[in-house]
C-alpha atoms as a PDB file:
ATOM      1  CA  MET A   1     -89.835  45.383 113.453  1.00  0.00           C
ATOM      2  CA  SER A   2     -89.618  42.651 116.386  1.00  0.00           C
ATOM      3  CA  TYR A   3     -92.690  44.799 117.849  1.00  0.00           C
ATOM      4  CA  PHE A   4     -95.005  44.370 114.235  1.00  0.00           C
ATOM      5  CA  CYS A   5     -94.400  40.951 114.277  1.00  0.00           C
ATOM      6  CA  LEU A   6     -95.554  40.649 117.516  1.00  0.00           C
ATOM      7  CA  LEU A   7     -98.394  42.562 117.305  1.00  0.00           C
ATOM      8  CA  TRP A   8     -99.715  42.728 114.096  1.00  0.00           C
ATOM      9  CA  VAL A   9    -101.879  39.581 114.457  1.00  0.00           C
ATOM     10  CA  PRO A  10    -103.753  40.128 117.759  1.00  0.00           C
ATOM     11  CA  LEU A  11    -104.553  43.839 116.263  1.00  0.00           C
ATOM     12  CA  PHE A  12    -106.006  42.670 113.512  1.00  0.00           C
ATOM     13  CA  TYR A  13    -107.918  39.779 115.313  1.00  0.00           C
ATOM     14  CA  LEU A  14    -109.399  42.457 117.373  1.00  0.00           C
ATOM     15  CA  LEU A  15    -109.927  44.664 114.162  1.00  0.00           C
ATOM     16  CA  ARG A  16    -111.954  41.486 112.942  1.00  0.00           C
ATOM     17  CA  ARG A  17    -113.700  40.580 116.186  1.00  0.00           C
ATOM     18  CA  ALA A  18    -114.761  44.032 116.133  1.00  0.00           C
ATOM     19  CA  PHE A  19    -117.382  43.404 113.107  1.00  0.00           C
ATOM     20  CA  ILE A  20    -118.055  39.543 113.513  1.00  0.00           C
ATOM     21  CA  GLY A  21    -118.072  39.113 117.273  1.00  0.00           C
ATOM     22  CA  GLU A  22    -117.524  35.370 118.619  1.00  0.00           C
ATOM     23  CA  GLY A  23    -118.020  33.230 121.744  1.00  0.00           C
ATOM     24  CA  GLY A  24    -117.626  30.192 123.451  1.00  0.00           C
ATOM     25  CA  SER A  25    -114.548  27.946 124.589  1.00  0.00           C
ATOM     26  CA  ALA A  26    -112.528  27.880 121.069  1.00  0.00           C
ATOM     27  CA  GLY A  27    -110.539  31.128 121.499  1.00  0.00           C
ATOM     28  CA  ILE A  28    -109.265  29.437 125.088  1.00  0.00           C
ATOM     29  CA  TRP A  29    -108.471  26.322 123.181  1.00  0.00           C
ATOM     30  CA  ALA A  30    -106.824  28.298 120.643  1.00  0.00           C
ATOM     31  CA  VAL A  31    -104.647  30.386 122.416  1.00  0.00           C
ATOM     32  CA  LEU A  32    -103.693  27.095 124.303  1.00  0.00           C
ATOM     33  CA  PHE A  33    -102.787  25.247 121.365  1.00  0.00           C
ATOM     34  CA  GLY A  34    -100.998  27.620 119.713  1.00  0.00           C
ATOM     35  CA  SER A  35     -98.535  28.298 122.876  1.00  0.00           C
ATOM     36  CA  ILE A  36     -98.091  24.396 123.076  1.00  0.00           C
ATOM     37  CA  THR A  37     -97.084  24.717 119.560  1.00  0.00           C
ATOM     38  CA  ALA A  38     -94.653  27.553 120.144  1.00  0.00           C
ATOM     39  CA  ILE A  39     -93.153  25.658 123.079  1.00  0.00           C
ATOM     40  CA  LEU A  40     -92.532  22.289 120.849  1.00  0.00           C
ATOM     41  CA  GLN A  41     -91.179  25.056 118.103  1.00  0.00           C
ATOM     42  CA  PHE A  42     -88.684  26.253 119.987  1.00  0.00           C
ATOM     43  CA  PHE A  43     -87.461  22.679 121.160  1.00  0.00           C
ATOM     44  CA  LEU A  44     -87.418  20.916 118.145  1.00  0.00           C
ATOM     45  CA  GLY A  45     -86.431  23.740 115.495  1.00  0.00           C
ATOM     46  CA  ASN A  46     -87.312  24.011 111.833  1.00  0.00           C
ATOM     47  CA  PHE A  47     -88.878  20.606 110.364  1.00  0.00           C
ATOM     48  CA  VAL A  48     -86.866  21.700 106.696  1.00  0.00           C
ATOM     49  CA  SER A  49     -83.685  22.813 105.908  1.00  0.00           C
ATOM     50  CA  PRO A  50     -83.883  26.127 104.971  1.00  0.00           C
ATOM     51  CA  GLY A  51     -81.302  25.387 101.882  1.00  0.00           C
ATOM     52  CA  GLY A  52     -80.593  28.014  99.288  1.00  0.00           C
ATOM     53  CA  PHE A  53     -82.989  29.487  96.629  1.00  0.00           C
ATOM     54  CA  GLY A  54     -85.804  28.139  94.531  1.00  0.00           C
ATOM     55  CA  LEU A  55     -87.595  25.228  95.480  1.00  0.00           C
ATOM     56  CA  SER A  56     -86.105  24.198  98.710  1.00  0.00           C
ATOM     57  CA  ARG A  57     -86.799  27.663 100.095  1.00  0.00           C
ATOM     58  CA  TRP A  58     -90.169  27.730  98.908  1.00  0.00           C
ATOM     59  CA  ILE A  59     -90.780  24.171 100.792  1.00  0.00           C
ATOM     60  CA  PHE A  60     -88.964  25.947 103.944  1.00  0.00           C
ATOM     61  CA  GLY A  61     -91.309  28.800 103.454  1.00  0.00           C
ATOM     62  CA  PHE A  62     -94.307  26.542 103.067  1.00  0.00           C
ATOM     63  CA  VAL A  63     -93.644  24.264 105.728  1.00  0.00           C
ATOM     64  CA  ASP A  64     -91.727  26.327 108.844  1.00  0.00           C
ATOM     65  CA  ILE A  65     -92.446  29.832 108.028  1.00  0.00           C
ATOM     66  CA  VAL A  66     -95.680  30.890 106.266  1.00  0.00           C
ATOM     67  CA  SER A  67     -98.496  28.130 105.151  1.00  0.00           C
ATOM     68  CA  VAL A  68     -98.226  25.452 107.632  1.00  0.00           C
ATOM     69  CA  PRO A  69     -98.502  27.571 110.697  1.00  0.00           C
ATOM     70  CA  VAL A  70    -101.837  28.772 109.502  1.00  0.00           C
ATOM     71  CA  LEU A  71    -103.348  25.515 107.815  1.00  0.00           C
ATOM     72  CA  PHE A  72    -102.674  23.376 111.103  1.00  0.00           C
ATOM     73  CA  PRO A  73    -104.948  25.450 113.033  1.00  0.00           C
ATOM     74  CA  LEU A  74    -107.604  25.668 110.152  1.00  0.00           C
ATOM     75  CA  VAL A  75    -107.535  22.086 110.204  1.00  0.00           C
ATOM     76  CA  ILE A  76    -107.659  21.468 114.313  1.00  0.00           C
ATOM     77  CA  TYR A  77    -110.543  23.844 114.039  1.00  0.00           C
ATOM     78  CA  LEU A  78    -112.403  21.657 110.948  1.00  0.00           C
ATOM     79  CA  LEU A  79    -111.806  18.574 112.767  1.00  0.00           C
ATOM     80  CA  SER A  80    -113.184  20.473 116.293  1.00  0.00           C
ATOM     81  CA  GLN A  81    -116.593  21.231 114.485  1.00  0.00           C
ATOM     82  CA  ALA A  82    -116.913  17.960 112.914  1.00  0.00           C
ATOM     83  CA  LEU A  83    -116.694  16.390 116.500  1.00  0.00           C
ATOM     84  CA  ARG A  84    -118.539  18.985 118.231  1.00  0.00           C
ATOM     85  CA  GLY A  85    -115.653  19.844 120.536  1.00  0.00           C
ATOM     86  CA  PHE A  86    -115.636  23.189 121.418  1.00  0.00           C
ATOM     87  CA  SER A  87    -118.627  25.208 122.458  1.00  0.00           C
ATOM     88  CA  GLY A  88    -120.009  28.439 121.704  1.00  0.00           C
ATOM     89  CA  GLU A  89    -119.238  30.059 117.967  1.00  0.00           C
ATOM     90  CA  MET A  90    -116.504  31.075 116.393  1.00  0.00           C
ATOM     91  CA  ASP A  91    -115.279  31.440 112.569  1.00  0.00           C
ATOM     92  CA  PHE A  92    -112.015  29.824 110.879  1.00  0.00           C
ATOM     93  CA  ALA A  93    -110.377  32.915 111.015  1.00  0.00           C
ATOM     94  CA  ASN A  94    -110.269  34.249 114.408  1.00  0.00           C
ATOM     95  CA  PHE A  95    -109.425  30.765 115.869  1.00  0.00           C
ATOM     96  CA  ALA A  96    -106.501  30.694 113.543  1.00  0.00           C
ATOM     97  CA  MET A  97    -105.635  34.009 114.337  1.00  0.00           C
ATOM     98  CA  LEU A  98    -105.752  33.318 118.179  1.00  0.00           C
ATOM     99  CA  TRP A  99    -103.448  30.386 117.379  1.00  0.00           C
ATOM    100  CA  LEU A 100    -100.965  32.388 115.824  1.00  0.00           C
ATOM    101  CA  ILE A 101    -100.714  35.299 118.819  1.00  0.00           C
ATOM    102  CA  PRO A 102     -98.325  33.034 120.886  1.00  0.00           C
ATOM    103  CA  ILE A 103     -96.548  31.393 117.729  1.00  0.00           C
ATOM    104  CA  GLY A 104     -96.156  35.092 116.452  1.00  0.00           C
ATOM    105  CA  ALA A 105     -94.740  36.383 119.992  1.00  0.00           C
ATOM    106  CA  PHE A 106     -92.305  33.448 119.995  1.00  0.00           C
ATOM    107  CA  ARG A 107     -91.314  34.427 116.387  1.00  0.00           C
ATOM    108  CA  ALA A 108     -90.944  37.996 117.350  1.00  0.00           C
ATOM    109  CA  LEU A 109     -88.295  37.118 119.977  1.00  0.00           C
ATOM    110  CA  SER A 110     -86.640  34.288 117.841  1.00  0.00           C
ATOM    111  CA  TRP A 111     -86.232  36.394 114.669  1.00  0.00           C
ATOM    112  CA  SER A 112     -85.278  39.834 116.414  1.00  0.00           C
ATOM    113  CA  ALA A 113     -81.676  39.005 116.138  1.00  0.00           C
ATOM    114  CA  THR A 114     -81.922  38.844 112.342  1.00  0.00           C
ATOM    115  CA  ASN A 115     -84.072  41.922 111.946  1.00  0.00           C
ATOM    116  CA  ASP A 116     -85.178  40.402 108.653  1.00  0.00           C
ATOM    117  CA  PRO A 117     -88.426  42.475 107.472  1.00  0.00           C
ATOM    118  CA  ILE A 118     -89.584  39.340 105.333  1.00  0.00           C
ATOM    119  CA  LEU A 119     -89.404  37.520 108.478  1.00  0.00           C
ATOM    120  CA  LEU A 120     -90.814  40.448 110.851  1.00  0.00           C
ATOM    121  CA  VAL A 121     -92.915  42.492 108.707  1.00  0.00           C
ATOM    122  CA  VAL A 122     -93.894  40.125 105.559  1.00  0.00           C
ATOM    123  CA  THR A 123     -94.155  37.133 107.424  1.00  0.00           C
ATOM    124  CA  PRO A 124     -96.972  38.230 109.891  1.00  0.00           C
ATOM    125  CA  LEU A 125     -99.390  39.893 106.517  1.00  0.00           C
ATOM    126  CA  LEU A 126     -99.016  36.436 105.408  1.00  0.00           C
ATOM    127  CA  TRP A 127    -100.319  34.685 107.911  1.00  0.00           C
ATOM    128  CA  THR A 128    -103.487  37.261 108.264  1.00  0.00           C
ATOM    129  CA  ALA A 129    -103.845  36.703 104.880  1.00  0.00           C
ATOM    130  CA  LEU A 130    -104.075  32.911 104.488  1.00  0.00           C
ATOM    131  CA  ALA A 131    -106.019  33.064 107.920  1.00  0.00           C
ATOM    132  CA  ALA A 132    -108.609  35.207 106.459  1.00  0.00           C
ATOM    133  CA  GLY A 133    -108.402  34.469 103.040  1.00  0.00           C
ATOM    134  CA  ILE A 134    -109.237  30.347 103.047  1.00  0.00           C
ATOM    135  CA  PRO A 135    -112.219  30.731 105.552  1.00  0.00           C
ATOM    136  CA  PHE A 136    -113.395  33.471 103.062  1.00  0.00           C
ATOM    137  CA  PHE A 137    -113.284  31.288  99.949  1.00  0.00           C
ATOM    138  CA  ILE A 138    -114.780  28.511 102.215  1.00  0.00           C
ATOM    139  CA  ASN A 139    -117.817  30.653 103.353  1.00  0.00           C
ATOM    140  CA  LEU A 140    -118.397  31.257  99.449  1.00  0.00           C
ATOM    141  CA  ILE A 141    -118.908  27.571  98.961  1.00  0.00           C
ATOM    142  CA  VAL A 142    -120.744  27.230 102.189  1.00  0.00           C
ATOM    143  CA  ASN A 143    -122.933  30.465 101.735  1.00  0.00           C
ATOM    144  CA  ASN A 144    -123.206  31.065  97.833  1.00  0.00           C
ATOM    145  CA  PHE A 145    -123.233  27.579  96.573  1.00  0.00           C
ATOM    146  CA  ARG A 146    -122.818  28.119  92.804  1.00  0.00           C
ATOM    147  CA  TRP A 147    -121.030  25.478  90.552  1.00  0.00           C
ATOM    148  CA  TYR A 148    -118.689  28.572  89.344  1.00  0.00           C
ATOM    149  CA  THR A 149    -118.081  29.772  92.873  1.00  0.00           C
ATOM    150  CA  ALA A 150    -117.326  26.386  94.145  1.00  0.00           C
ATOM    151  CA  ILE A 151    -114.642  25.512  91.689  1.00  0.00           C
ATOM    152  CA  ILE A 152    -113.356  29.785  92.020  1.00  0.00           C
ATOM    153  CA  SER A 153    -113.108  29.195  95.836  1.00  0.00           C
ATOM    154  CA  ILE A 154    -111.745  25.455  95.545  1.00  0.00           C
ATOM    155  CA  ILE A 155    -108.671  26.771  93.514  1.00  0.00           C
ATOM    156  CA  GLY A 156    -108.265  29.795  95.617  1.00  0.00           C
ATOM    157  CA  ILE A 157    -108.218  27.685  98.671  1.00  0.00           C
ATOM    158  CA  LEU A 158    -105.579  25.736  96.885  1.00  0.00           C
ATOM    159  CA  ILE A 159    -103.633  28.365  95.732  1.00  0.00           C
ATOM    160  CA  LEU A 160    -103.349  30.921  98.156  1.00  0.00           C
ATOM    161  CA  PRO A 161    -101.046  29.104 100.357  1.00  0.00           C
ATOM    162  CA  VAL A 162     -98.807  28.076  97.634  1.00  0.00           C
ATOM    163  CA  LEU A 163     -98.837  31.859  96.331  1.00  0.00           C
ATOM    164  CA  ALA A 164     -98.073  32.831 100.048  1.00  0.00           C
ATOM    165  CA  SER A 165     -94.871  30.878 100.272  1.00  0.00           C
ATOM    166  CA  ALA A 166     -94.137  32.189  96.743  1.00  0.00           C
ATOM    167  CA  VAL A 167     -94.034  35.610  98.412  1.00  0.00           C
ATOM    168  CA  TYR A 168     -91.693  34.810 100.936  1.00  0.00           C
ATOM    169  CA  MET A 169     -89.143  33.054  97.987  1.00  0.00           C
ATOM    170  CA  VAL A 170     -89.337  35.432  95.821  1.00  0.00           C
ATOM    171  CA  LEU A 171     -88.716  37.863  98.051  1.00  0.00           C
ATOM    172  CA  PHE A 172     -85.563  36.009 100.041  1.00  0.00           C
ATOM    173  CA  SER A 173     -84.338  35.732  96.243  1.00  0.00           C
ATOM    174  CA  GLN A 174     -84.770  39.697  96.243  1.00  0.00           C
ATOM    175  CA  GLN A 175     -87.168  40.150  93.522  1.00  0.00           C
ATOM    176  CA  THR A 176     -89.057  42.877  95.411  1.00  0.00           C
ATOM    177  CA  THR A 177     -91.031  43.933  92.650  1.00  0.00           C
ATOM    178  CA  LEU A 178     -92.411  40.884  92.122  1.00  0.00           C
ATOM    179  CA  GLY A 179     -92.660  39.688  95.660  1.00  0.00           C
ATOM    180  CA  ILE A 180     -94.605  42.919  96.274  1.00  0.00           C
ATOM    181  CA  ILE A 181     -97.489  42.229  93.522  1.00  0.00           C
ATOM    182  CA  LEU A 182     -97.974  38.698  94.915  1.00  0.00           C
ATOM    183  CA  LEU A 183     -97.984  39.849  98.321  1.00  0.00           C
ATOM    184  CA  VAL A 184    -101.067  42.384  97.079  1.00  0.00           C
ATOM    185  CA  ALA A 185    -102.524  39.240  94.902  1.00  0.00           C
ATOM    186  CA  VAL A 186    -102.329  37.301  98.452  1.00  0.00           C
ATOM    187  CA  ASN A 187    -104.223  39.933 100.583  1.00  0.00           C
ATOM    188  CA  ILE A 188    -106.881  40.270  98.215  1.00  0.00           C
ATOM    189  CA  PRO A 189    -109.078  37.775  99.659  1.00  0.00           C
ATOM    190  CA  LEU A 190    -108.362  39.206 102.966  1.00  0.00           C
ATOM    191  CA  ILE A 191    -109.380  42.543 101.789  1.00  0.00           C
ATOM    192  CA  LEU A 192    -112.834  41.423 100.334  1.00  0.00           C
ATOM    193  CA  SER A 193    -113.551  39.220 103.782  1.00  0.00           C
ATOM    194  CA  LEU A 194    -113.047  42.836 105.697  1.00  0.00           C
ATOM    195  CA  VAL A 195    -115.593  44.623 103.249  1.00  0.00           C
ATOM    196  CA  PHE A 196    -117.902  41.801 103.393  1.00  0.00           C
ATOM    197  CA  ASP A 197    -118.102  42.248 107.582  1.00  0.00           C
ATOM    198  CA  ILE A 198    -118.268  45.953 107.226  1.00  0.00           C
ATOM    199  CA  LEU A 199    -121.003  45.536 104.894  1.00  0.00           C
ATOM    200  CA  ARG A 200    -122.814  43.070 107.037  1.00  0.00           C
ATOM    201  CA  ARG A 201    -122.609  45.110 110.108  1.00  0.00           C
ATOM    202  CA  ARG A 202    -124.696  47.997 108.379  1.00  0.00           C
END
Protein backbone atom coordinates (compact mmCIF):
# COMPACT_ATOMS: atom_id res chain seq x y z
CA MET A 1 0.00 0.00 0.00
CA SER A 2 2.93 2.32 0.59
CA TYR A 3 3.89 1.88 -3.06
CA PHE A 4 0.39 2.90 -4.10
CA CYS A 5 0.67 6.11 -2.06
CA LEU A 6 4.08 6.74 -3.59
CA LEU A 7 3.20 5.99 -7.22
CA TRP A 8 -0.49 6.79 -7.74
CA VAL A 9 -0.19 10.56 -8.20
CA PRO A 10 2.79 10.49 -10.61
CA LEU A 11 1.21 7.68 -12.66
CA PHE A 12 -2.10 9.52 -12.88
CA TYR A 13 -0.23 12.69 -13.82
CA LEU A 14 1.54 10.87 -16.67
CA LEU A 15 -1.78 9.44 -17.87
CA ARG A 16 -3.39 12.86 -17.93
CA ARG A 17 -0.37 14.50 -19.52
CA ALA A 18 -0.57 11.99 -22.36
CA PHE A 19 -3.98 13.47 -23.23
CA ILE A 20 -3.44 17.20 -22.78
CA GLY A 21 0.33 17.88 -22.81
CA GLU A 22 1.95 20.87 -21.11
CA GLY A 23 4.99 23.10 -21.11
CA GLY A 24 6.84 25.91 -19.40
CA SER A 25 8.40 26.43 -16.03
CA ALA A 26 5.28 25.76 -13.95
CA GLY A 27 6.05 22.06 -13.54
CA ILE A 28 9.50 22.74 -12.10
CA TRP A 29 8.07 25.24 -9.63
CA ALA A 30 5.30 22.83 -8.64
CA VAL A 31 7.76 20.05 -7.76
CA LEU A 32 10.02 22.53 -5.93
CA PHE A 33 7.20 24.02 -3.86
CA GLY A 34 5.78 20.56 -3.19
CA SER A 35 9.17 19.43 -1.90
CA ILE A 36 9.40 22.47 0.37
CA THR A 37 5.89 21.74 1.65
CA ALA A 38 6.81 18.12 2.39
CA ILE A 39 9.91 19.22 4.32
CA LEU A 40 7.87 21.71 6.35
CA GLN A 41 5.31 19.01 7.13
CA PHE A 42 8.12 16.79 8.38
CA PHE A 43 9.35 19.42 10.83
CA LEU A 44 6.03 21.03 11.79
CA GLY A 45 3.80 17.94 11.95
CA ASN A 46 0.02 18.22 11.83
CA PHE A 47 -1.67 21.59 12.17
CA VAL A 48 -4.86 20.14 13.70
CA SER A 49 -5.17 17.58 16.47
CA PRO A 50 -6.77 14.40 15.05
CA GLY A 51 -9.27 14.16 17.91
CA GLY A 52 -11.73 11.30 17.83
CA PHE A 53 -14.66 10.89 15.45
CA GLY A 54 -17.17 13.27 13.93
CA LEU A 55 -16.43 16.94 13.28
CA SER A 56 -12.94 16.95 14.81
CA ARG A 57 -11.89 14.05 12.56
CA TRP A 58 -13.40 15.82 9.52
CA ILE A 59 -11.50 19.03 10.30
CA PHE A 60 -8.27 17.05 10.71
CA GLY A 61 -8.91 15.31 7.40
CA PHE A 62 -9.71 18.59 5.66
CA VAL A 63 -6.65 20.48 6.89
CA ASP A 64 -3.89 17.90 7.23
CA ILE A 65 -4.82 14.88 5.11
CA VAL A 66 -7.12 15.45 2.16
CA SER A 67 -8.31 18.88 1.05
CA VAL A 68 -5.87 21.64 2.01
CA PRO A 69 -2.87 19.76 0.51
CA VAL A 70 -4.66 20.08 -2.87
CA LEU A 71 -6.34 23.46 -2.41
CA PHE A 72 -3.09 25.19 -1.46
CA PRO A 73 -1.27 24.54 -4.77
CA LEU A 74 -4.42 25.44 -6.69
CA VAL A 75 -4.54 28.81 -4.93
CA ILE A 76 -0.83 29.37 -5.59
CA TYR A 77 -1.37 28.55 -9.25
CA LEU A 78 -4.27 30.98 -9.57
CA LEU A 79 -2.18 33.72 -7.97
CA SER A 80 0.74 32.96 -10.27
CA GLN A 81 -1.53 33.14 -13.30
CA ALA A 82 -2.88 36.48 -12.17
CA LEU A 83 0.68 37.76 -11.67
CA ARG A 84 2.00 35.95 -14.79
CA GLY A 85 4.60 34.25 -12.64
CA PHE A 86 5.11 31.10 -14.75
CA SER A 87 6.10 30.77 -18.38
CA GLY A 88 4.43 28.34 -20.75
CA GLU A 89 1.15 26.54 -20.26
CA MET A 90 0.00 24.11 -17.61
CA ASP A 91 -3.49 23.50 -16.32
CA PHE A 92 -4.56 23.54 -12.68
CA ALA A 93 -4.76 19.77 -12.32
CA ASN A 94 -1.27 18.91 -13.55
CA PHE A 95 0.27 21.69 -11.47
CA ALA A 96 -1.41 20.35 -8.31
CA MET A 97 -0.43 16.76 -9.10
CA LEU A 98 3.23 17.68 -9.60
CA TRP A 99 3.09 19.56 -6.30
CA LEU A 100 1.65 16.45 -4.62
CA ILE A 101 4.31 14.03 -5.89
CA PRO A 102 6.93 14.85 -3.20
CA ILE A 103 4.17 15.13 -0.59
CA GLY A 104 2.93 11.66 -1.58
CA ALA A 105 6.47 10.31 -1.24
CA PHE A 106 6.81 11.84 2.22
CA ARG A 107 3.41 10.50 3.28
CA ALA A 108 4.21 7.03 1.93
CA LEU A 109 7.20 6.93 4.29
CA SER A 110 5.50 8.49 7.30
CA TRP A 111 2.29 6.45 6.97
CA SER A 112 3.95 3.13 6.09
CA ALA A 113 4.24 2.11 9.74
CA THR A 114 0.45 2.30 10.18
CA ASN A 115 -0.27 0.28 7.02
CA ASP A 116 -3.67 2.01 6.99
CA PRO A 117 -5.51 1.65 3.64
CA ILE A 118 -7.48 4.84 4.32
CA LEU A 119 -4.25 6.84 4.36
CA LEU A 120 -2.16 4.88 1.88
CA VAL A 121 -4.81 4.09 -0.76
CA VAL A 122 -7.93 6.22 -0.30
CA THR A 123 -6.12 9.50 0.40
CA PRO A 124 -4.10 9.52 -2.87
CA LEU A 125 -7.35 8.75 -4.72
CA LEU A 126 -8.97 11.73 -3.02
CA TRP A 127 -6.01 13.96 -3.89
CA THR A 128 -6.33 13.25 -7.61
CA ALA A 129 -10.13 13.51 -7.42
CA LEU A 130 -9.78 17.05 -6.08
CA ALA A 131 -6.85 17.98 -8.30
CA ALA A 132 -8.79 17.04 -11.44
CA GLY A 133 -12.34 17.68 -10.18
CA ILE A 134 -12.03 21.30 -9.08
CA PRO A 135 -10.39 22.41 -12.37
CA PHE A 136 -13.13 20.51 -14.22
CA PHE A 137 -15.73 22.80 -12.64
CA ILE A 138 -13.56 25.88 -13.24
CA ASN A 139 -13.25 24.98 -16.92
CA LEU A 140 -17.03 24.59 -17.15
CA ILE A 141 -17.38 28.22 -16.10
CA VAL A 142 -14.58 29.51 -18.32
CA ASN A 143 -15.24 27.51 -21.49
CA ASN A 144 -19.01 27.06 -21.42
CA PHE A 145 -20.41 29.95 -19.41
CA ARG A 146 -24.12 29.76 -18.77
CA TRP A 147 -25.90 30.83 -15.63
CA TYR A 148 -26.82 27.24 -14.81
CA THR A 149 -23.34 25.84 -15.48
CA ALA A 150 -21.88 28.62 -13.32
CA ILE A 151 -24.20 27.76 -10.43
CA ILE A 152 -23.52 24.02 -10.73
CA SER A 153 -19.78 24.60 -10.99
CA ILE A 154 -19.59 26.92 -7.98
CA ILE A 155 -21.55 24.42 -5.90
CA GLY A 156 -19.25 21.65 -7.12
CA ILE A 157 -16.10 23.63 -6.27
CA LEU A 158 -17.40 24.30 -2.76
CA ILE A 159 -18.76 20.82 -2.05
CA LEU A 160 -15.99 18.65 -3.50
CA PRO A 161 -13.32 19.40 -0.83
CA VAL A 162 -15.94 19.05 1.92
CA LEU A 163 -17.12 15.73 0.52
CA ALA A 164 -13.58 14.42 0.05
CA SER A 165 -12.82 15.06 3.73
CA ALA A 166 -16.11 13.41 4.62
CA VAL A 167 -14.93 10.25 2.83
CA TYR A 168 -11.89 10.14 5.12
CA MET A 169 -14.04 10.76 8.21
CA VAL A 170 -16.68 8.18 7.30
CA LEU A 171 -14.16 5.45 6.46
CA PHE A 172 -12.23 6.20 9.64
CA SER A 173 -15.52 5.70 11.49
CA GLN A 174 -15.75 2.26 9.80
CA GLN A 175 -18.87 3.13 7.79
CA THR A 176 -17.46 1.32 4.80
CA THR A 177 -20.50 1.21 2.50
CA LEU A 178 -21.24 4.93 2.87
CA GLY A 179 -17.55 5.70 2.47
CA ILE A 180 -17.32 3.81 -0.82
CA ILE A 181 -20.46 5.54 -2.14
CA LEU A 182 -19.02 8.95 -1.27
CA LEU A 183 -15.64 8.01 -2.75
CA VAL A 184 -17.31 7.13 -6.06
CA ALA A 185 -19.28 10.41 -5.97
CA VAL A 186 -16.12 12.45 -5.34
CA ASN A 187 -14.42 10.85 -8.35
CA ILE A 188 -17.24 11.57 -10.83
CA PRO A 189 -15.81 14.99 -11.89
CA LEU A 190 -12.40 13.37 -12.37
CA ILE A 191 -13.91 10.68 -14.60
CA LEU A 192 -15.81 13.29 -16.62
CA SER A 193 -12.66 15.37 -17.04
CA LEU A 194 -10.78 12.33 -18.37
CA VAL A 195 -13.60 11.53 -20.79
CA PHE A 196 -13.60 15.11 -22.11
CA ASP A 197 -9.79 15.06 -22.44
CA ILE A 198 -9.98 11.85 -24.48
CA LEU A 199 -12.74 13.25 -26.69
CA ARG A 200 -10.73 16.43 -27.33
CA ARG A 201 -7.79 14.35 -28.50
CA ARG A 202 -9.89 12.62 -31.15
